[in-house]
Protein backbone atom coordinates (compact mmCIF):
# COMPACT_ATOMS: atom_id res chain seq x y z
CA UNK A 1 9.12 10.18 -0.30
CA UNK A 2 11.11 7.58 1.59
CA UNK A 3 8.15 6.63 3.80
CA UNK A 4 6.01 5.60 0.84
CA UNK A 5 8.39 2.68 0.17
CA UNK A 6 8.94 1.78 3.84
CA UNK A 7 7.40 -1.20 5.60
CA UNK A 8 8.15 0.18 9.08
CA UNK A 9 6.00 2.48 11.17
CA UNK A 10 2.26 3.01 11.25
CA UNK A 11 -0.28 4.39 8.77
CA UNK A 12 -3.60 6.09 9.44
CA UNK A 13 -6.77 5.11 7.61
CA UNK A 14 -6.56 8.26 5.51
CA UNK A 15 -3.10 7.35 4.24
CA UNK A 16 -4.30 3.81 3.54
CA UNK A 17 -7.38 5.02 1.62
CA UNK A 18 -5.52 7.62 -0.45
CA UNK A 19 -2.64 5.31 -1.30
CA UNK A 20 -5.00 2.45 -2.16
CA UNK A 21 -6.95 4.75 -4.48
CA UNK A 22 -3.81 6.01 -6.23
CA UNK A 23 -2.33 2.49 -6.54
CA UNK A 24 -5.60 1.22 -8.03
CA UNK A 25 -5.80 4.15 -10.45
CA UNK A 26 -2.19 3.62 -11.54
CA UNK A 27 -2.91 -0.07 -12.01
CA UNK A 28 -5.78 0.69 -14.36
CA UNK A 29 -3.69 3.20 -16.30
CA UNK A 30 -0.85 0.68 -16.55
CA UNK A 31 -3.25 -2.00 -17.77
CA UNK A 32 -4.56 0.33 -20.48
CA UNK A 33 -1.00 1.19 -21.45
CA UNK A 34 -0.10 -2.49 -21.69
CA UNK A 35 -3.11 -3.22 -23.89
CA UNK A 36 -2.31 -0.41 -26.31
CA UNK A 37 1.46 -0.94 -26.48
CA UNK A 38 3.15 -2.37 -29.55
CA UNK A 39 4.66 -5.25 -27.57
CA UNK A 40 8.24 -3.97 -27.68
CA UNK A 41 10.81 -5.14 -25.17
CA UNK A 42 11.41 -1.63 -23.86
CA UNK A 43 7.73 -1.05 -23.16
CA UNK A 44 7.39 -4.48 -21.52
CA UNK A 45 10.35 -3.71 -19.26
CA UNK A 46 8.84 -0.34 -18.32
CA UNK A 47 5.46 -1.92 -17.54
CA UNK A 48 7.07 -4.61 -15.35
CA UNK A 49 9.17 -2.02 -13.52
CA UNK A 50 6.19 0.23 -12.83
CA UNK A 51 4.10 -2.80 -11.78
CA UNK A 52 6.74 -3.83 -9.24
CA UNK A 53 6.82 -0.29 -7.81
CA UNK A 54 3.02 -0.17 -7.58
CA UNK A 55 2.87 -3.54 -5.82
CA UNK A 56 5.70 -2.52 -3.45
CA UNK A 57 3.94 0.71 -2.44
CA UNK A 58 0.61 -1.10 -1.95
CA UNK A 59 2.18 -3.76 0.25
CA UNK A 60 4.18 -1.17 2.21
CA UNK A 61 1.15 0.96 3.12
CA UNK A 62 -0.80 -2.23 3.92
CA UNK A 63 1.94 -3.36 6.28
CA UNK A 64 2.05 0.03 8.00
CA UNK A 65 -1.75 -0.05 8.35
CA UNK A 66 -1.53 -3.52 9.91
CA UNK A 67 1.07 -2.11 12.32
CA UNK A 68 -1.36 0.66 13.29
CA UNK A 69 -3.83 -2.06 14.26
CA UNK A 70 -1.13 -3.87 16.26
CA UNK A 71 -0.64 -6.73 13.82
CA UNK A 72 2.21 -8.04 11.73
CA UNK A 73 2.26 -6.84 8.10
CA UNK A 74 1.54 -10.36 6.85
CA UNK A 75 -2.04 -9.99 8.11
CA UNK A 76 -2.84 -7.98 4.98
CA UNK A 77 -2.60 -11.23 3.01
CA UNK A 78 -5.68 -12.61 4.78
CA UNK A 79 -8.65 -12.43 2.41
CA UNK A 80 -10.94 -9.45 3.10
CA UNK A 81 -8.66 -8.13 5.85
CA UNK A 82 -8.06 -5.05 3.69
CA UNK A 83 -11.68 -4.10 4.17
CA UNK A 84 -11.23 -4.36 7.93
CA UNK A 85 -8.10 -2.18 7.76
CA UNK A 86 -9.99 0.49 5.85
CA UNK A 87 -12.64 1.05 8.51
CA UNK A 88 -11.22 0.21 11.96
CA UNK A 89 -9.44 2.72 14.20
CA UNK A 90 -5.79 2.08 14.99
CA UNK A 91 -4.54 1.30 18.47
CA UNK A 92 -4.45 4.37 20.69
CA UNK A 93 -1.04 5.42 21.92
CA UNK A 94 2.26 3.85 20.95
CA UNK A 95 2.58 0.16 20.19
CA UNK A 96 5.50 -2.10 19.27
CA UNK A 97 5.57 -0.63 15.74
CA UNK A 98 5.85 3.03 16.73
CA UNK A 99 4.02 6.09 17.89
CA UNK A 100 0.38 6.66 17.04
CA UNK A 101 0.27 8.58 13.74
CA UNK A 102 -2.71 10.57 15.03
CA UNK A 103 -0.57 11.86 17.88
CA UNK A 104 -2.94 10.53 20.57
């Protein structure tokens, strides 16, 4: 559970794909919840809190995926780089961000 919020280490493509899918799905559910809510302060606070957690998890797995490719986590902010991260193999063996998550 701790790793999902961590920006350190490396992430395989599978972890990136699954987390991206879940984060997207939760985003859609949260959007639908926001549209159907009564506009109360408590609901708004809950939506903001969940949104921050979703964004945090998405950025964390993106940073770990960048690390697997041998790049700084800020590379995920480059437009369309997320597509590249989804399809390219990580660096074989250990790199400056940790051991290869595939164990190679």
